[in-house]
Amino acid sequence: LSSVEIPAEAIGREAVEILMDQMKGGDTRFDRTLQPLGVIARSSTDYRSHIDPSLRRALQMIEAHAHEGLSVDVLCRQVGQSRRTLERAFQHQLRSSIHQTIQKVQVGRAKRLLIESELQIGEIAERAGFSSLRQLNRVFQKFTSESPSLFRARANP
C-alpha cells in the first residue's frame, strides 16, 4: 500500500510558530496548509517490480546517485549496458529517456529541500545534483511549470 510523504520538518516549524503566537496571546487559528512531498510507493505498487532487472538496477542507481550529478554515460557503465540498449529499455518500458528520469529524480529532491529546509536555492541546486542554479530553474520550470522560488513560497505560506 502506498502512502503520502508529509513534510515533517515544515510541520514542526509551523507548530513552533503557532505555539509562540499563542504564548504571546496572538491569533490562535491555524488555517495554514502545507503541501505533501509526494507519494511513497511500497513494493506492492512499485512499478519497478515488473520491469527488466537491468532497468531496475539503473533506476536504483539513479535514485541513489542523481543528486551527485549522475550522467547517462556513467550510469550505462555502472549497469553494464550500452547507451542505446538502455535508452531503448527506458523508452519501451517507462516511456521516458534516461536523462528525463535523472532530472525527474533531481527535481523531486529539490522539491523536498525547498519544503523542508531554509537553504538558499543555489545550495539546493547543488545538493539536488544540478550543475548550476540556472539549470535547476530551467529543469524545475519544465517539470512543475513554476520556479523553485514560487514553489517554495506556495508550499510554505
Protein backbone atom coordinates (compact mmCIF):
# COMPACT_ATOMS: atom_id res chain seq x y z
CA LEU A 1 0.00 0.00 0.00
CA SER A 2 1.37 3.41 -0.93
CA SER A 3 1.30 6.39 1.41
CA VAL A 4 1.66 10.15 1.31
CA GLU A 5 5.00 11.59 2.39
CA ILE A 6 4.39 14.53 4.69
CA PRO A 7 6.76 17.48 5.25
CA ALA A 8 7.55 16.63 8.88
CA GLU A 9 10.18 19.36 9.44
CA ALA A 10 7.95 22.05 7.94
CA ILE A 11 5.06 20.88 10.14
CA GLY A 12 7.32 21.14 13.19
CA ARG A 13 8.42 24.68 12.28
CA GLU A 14 4.79 25.72 11.75
CA ALA A 15 3.78 24.19 15.09
CA VAL A 16 6.51 26.13 16.89
CA GLU A 17 5.40 29.39 15.24
CA ILE A 18 1.75 28.77 16.18
CA LEU A 19 2.71 27.92 19.77
CA MET A 20 4.86 31.05 20.05
CA ASP A 21 1.97 33.17 18.73
CA GLN A 22 -0.41 31.58 21.23
CA MET A 23 2.00 32.13 24.12
CA LYS A 24 2.14 35.83 23.19
CA GLY A 25 -1.65 36.00 23.16
CA GLY A 26 -1.82 36.19 19.39
CA ASP A 27 -4.13 34.64 16.85
CA THR A 28 -4.91 31.02 17.72
CA ARG A 29 -6.47 29.99 14.40
CA PHE A 30 -4.47 27.55 12.31
CA ASP A 31 -5.51 27.89 8.72
CA ARG A 32 -2.16 27.03 7.19
CA THR A 33 -1.78 24.31 4.60
CA LEU A 34 1.45 22.50 3.79
CA GLN A 35 1.87 20.56 0.58
CA PRO A 36 2.74 16.85 0.80
CA LEU A 37 6.17 15.89 -0.51
CA GLY A 38 4.84 13.13 -2.71
CA VAL A 39 3.77 9.52 -2.68
CA ILE A 40 5.84 6.72 -1.18
CA ALA A 41 5.34 3.66 -3.36
CA ARG A 42 5.53 0.40 -1.46
CA SER A 43 6.74 -2.79 -3.14
CA SER A 44 3.17 -3.92 -3.84
CA THR A 45 2.56 -0.85 -6.03
CA ASP A 46 6.11 -0.18 -7.18
CA TYR A 47 6.26 -0.19 -10.97
CA ARG A 48 9.88 -1.39 -10.79
CA SER A 49 8.82 -4.82 -9.53
CA HIS A 50 7.54 -5.64 -13.03
CA ILE A 51 10.44 -4.47 -15.20
CA ASP A 52 13.67 -5.85 -16.57
CA PRO A 53 16.37 -6.44 -13.89
CA SER A 54 18.95 -4.24 -15.65
CA LEU A 55 16.41 -1.41 -15.90
CA ARG A 56 15.52 -1.86 -12.23
CA ARG A 57 19.22 -1.65 -11.35
CA ALA A 58 19.53 1.53 -13.44
CA LEU A 59 16.56 3.10 -11.63
CA GLN A 60 18.04 2.21 -8.26
CA MET A 61 21.34 3.82 -9.31
CA ILE A 62 19.50 6.96 -10.45
CA GLU A 63 17.63 7.25 -7.17
CA ALA A 64 20.82 6.71 -5.17
CA HIS A 65 23.14 8.95 -7.20
CA ALA A 66 21.15 11.55 -9.20
CA HIS A 67 21.97 14.18 -6.55
CA GLU A 68 25.67 13.62 -7.31
CA GLY A 69 25.26 14.84 -10.89
CA LEU A 70 24.98 11.34 -12.36
CA SER A 71 25.45 11.31 -16.14
CA VAL A 72 23.86 8.93 -18.63
CA ASP A 73 27.29 7.60 -19.69
CA VAL A 74 28.35 6.83 -16.13
CA LEU A 75 25.02 5.12 -15.46
CA CYS A 76 25.40 2.91 -18.55
CA ARG A 77 28.89 1.86 -17.48
CA GLN A 78 27.71 1.07 -13.94
CA VAL A 79 24.79 -1.01 -15.21
CA GLY A 80 26.90 -2.72 -17.88
CA GLN A 81 24.63 -1.79 -20.79
CA SER A 82 25.29 0.20 -23.93
CA ARG A 83 23.66 3.59 -24.05
CA ARG A 84 21.47 2.58 -26.97
CA THR A 85 20.23 -0.61 -25.26
CA LEU A 86 19.45 1.17 -22.00
CA GLU A 87 17.76 4.12 -23.79
CA ARG A 88 15.54 1.67 -25.69
CA ALA A 89 14.61 -0.10 -22.46
CA PHE A 90 13.71 3.21 -20.78
CA GLN A 91 11.62 4.31 -23.77
CA HIS A 92 9.89 0.95 -24.16
CA GLN A 93 9.14 0.23 -20.50
CA LEU A 94 8.97 3.70 -18.90
CA ARG A 95 8.10 5.97 -21.84
CA SER A 96 10.91 8.28 -20.76
CA SER A 97 14.55 8.87 -21.59
CA ILE A 98 17.34 8.15 -19.13
CA HIS A 99 18.13 11.86 -18.93
CA GLN A 100 14.49 12.78 -18.20
CA THR A 101 14.37 10.15 -15.46
CA ILE A 102 17.52 11.53 -13.83
CA GLN A 103 16.09 15.06 -13.99
CA LYS A 104 12.78 13.91 -12.50
CA VAL A 105 14.60 12.44 -9.50
CA GLN A 106 16.69 15.62 -9.13
CA VAL A 107 13.56 17.79 -9.21
CA GLY A 108 11.96 15.56 -6.57
CA ARG A 109 14.98 16.06 -4.30
CA ALA A 110 14.93 19.81 -4.95
CA LYS A 111 11.22 19.94 -4.02
CA ARG A 112 11.92 18.11 -0.76
CA LEU A 113 14.75 20.51 0.11
CA LEU A 114 12.67 23.57 -0.81
CA ILE A 115 9.90 22.46 1.52
CA GLU A 116 11.91 21.02 4.40
CA SER A 117 14.90 23.36 4.59
CA GLU A 118 15.74 27.01 4.58
CA LEU A 119 18.77 26.52 2.31
CA GLN A 120 19.46 29.08 -0.40
CA ILE A 121 18.18 27.93 -3.78
CA GLY A 122 21.74 27.85 -5.17
CA GLU A 123 22.70 25.39 -2.42
CA ILE A 124 19.61 23.33 -3.19
CA ALA A 125 20.62 23.20 -6.87
CA GLU A 126 23.99 21.78 -5.87
CA ARG A 127 22.56 19.26 -3.37
CA ALA A 128 19.98 18.05 -5.89
CA GLY A 129 22.67 17.35 -8.48
CA PHE A 130 22.25 20.29 -10.85
CA SER A 131 25.34 21.87 -12.36
CA SER A 132 24.09 25.41 -11.71
CA LEU A 133 21.23 27.48 -10.36
CA ARG A 134 20.27 28.29 -13.94
CA GLN A 135 19.95 24.58 -14.79
CA LEU A 136 17.79 24.00 -11.69
CA ASN A 137 15.50 26.86 -12.68
CA ARG A 138 15.15 25.62 -16.27
CA VAL A 139 14.53 21.96 -15.40
CA PHE A 140 12.29 22.73 -12.41
CA GLN A 141 10.15 25.01 -14.61
CA LYS A 142 9.92 22.26 -17.25
CA PHE A 143 8.67 19.65 -14.77
CA THR A 144 6.48 21.79 -12.49
CA SER A 145 5.53 24.84 -14.58
CA GLU A 146 6.78 27.13 -11.81
CA SER A 147 10.08 28.42 -10.46
CA PRO A 148 11.71 26.94 -7.36
CA SER A 149 11.10 30.24 -5.52
CA LEU A 150 7.39 30.23 -6.33
CA PHE A 151 7.11 26.54 -5.38
CA ARG A 152 8.74 27.25 -2.00
CA ALA A 153 6.51 30.26 -1.34
CA ARG A 154 3.38 28.30 -2.25
CA ALA A 155 4.43 25.25 -0.20
CA ASN A 156 5.42 27.26 2.89
CA PRO A 157 2.89 30.13 3.16
